[in-house]
């Protein structure tokens, strides 16, 4: 009974890993720019690899192969996001920079009633001064 559940869980993890690997490959081929493609490759590389290795770990059982697969999983868990980050940073520092989005103009500040009163009292002497001339 447990072996049957273990084989179903292993098969499910392997199928999910293959599905994410395939969708990542389609994303790499179909996405329009470098950063979108890199995102698809980085996410699917990490997720699908971890799912496939988890499925293999369930199949391997308690053995030396399980320990080796765990070490491979740990290595991929740390190196894949780091490599994606280094690749994106080097692209940003080279000719593949992201386009700069222009800043929106600042919205006019809503003044409170007390500041309006201060402004109107400040404006009155100026108006009075301009009438003196």
Foldseek 3Di string as FASTA:
>chain_A
DVVVVLLVQLVVLLVVLVVLLVVLVVQLVPPDDDLSNLVSCLVSQLRSLLSNLVSVLSVVPPDVVNVVSVVVNVVCNPPSVVVSVVVVVVCCVDPNNDDDDDDDDDDDDDDDPVVVVVVVVVVVVVVVVVVVD
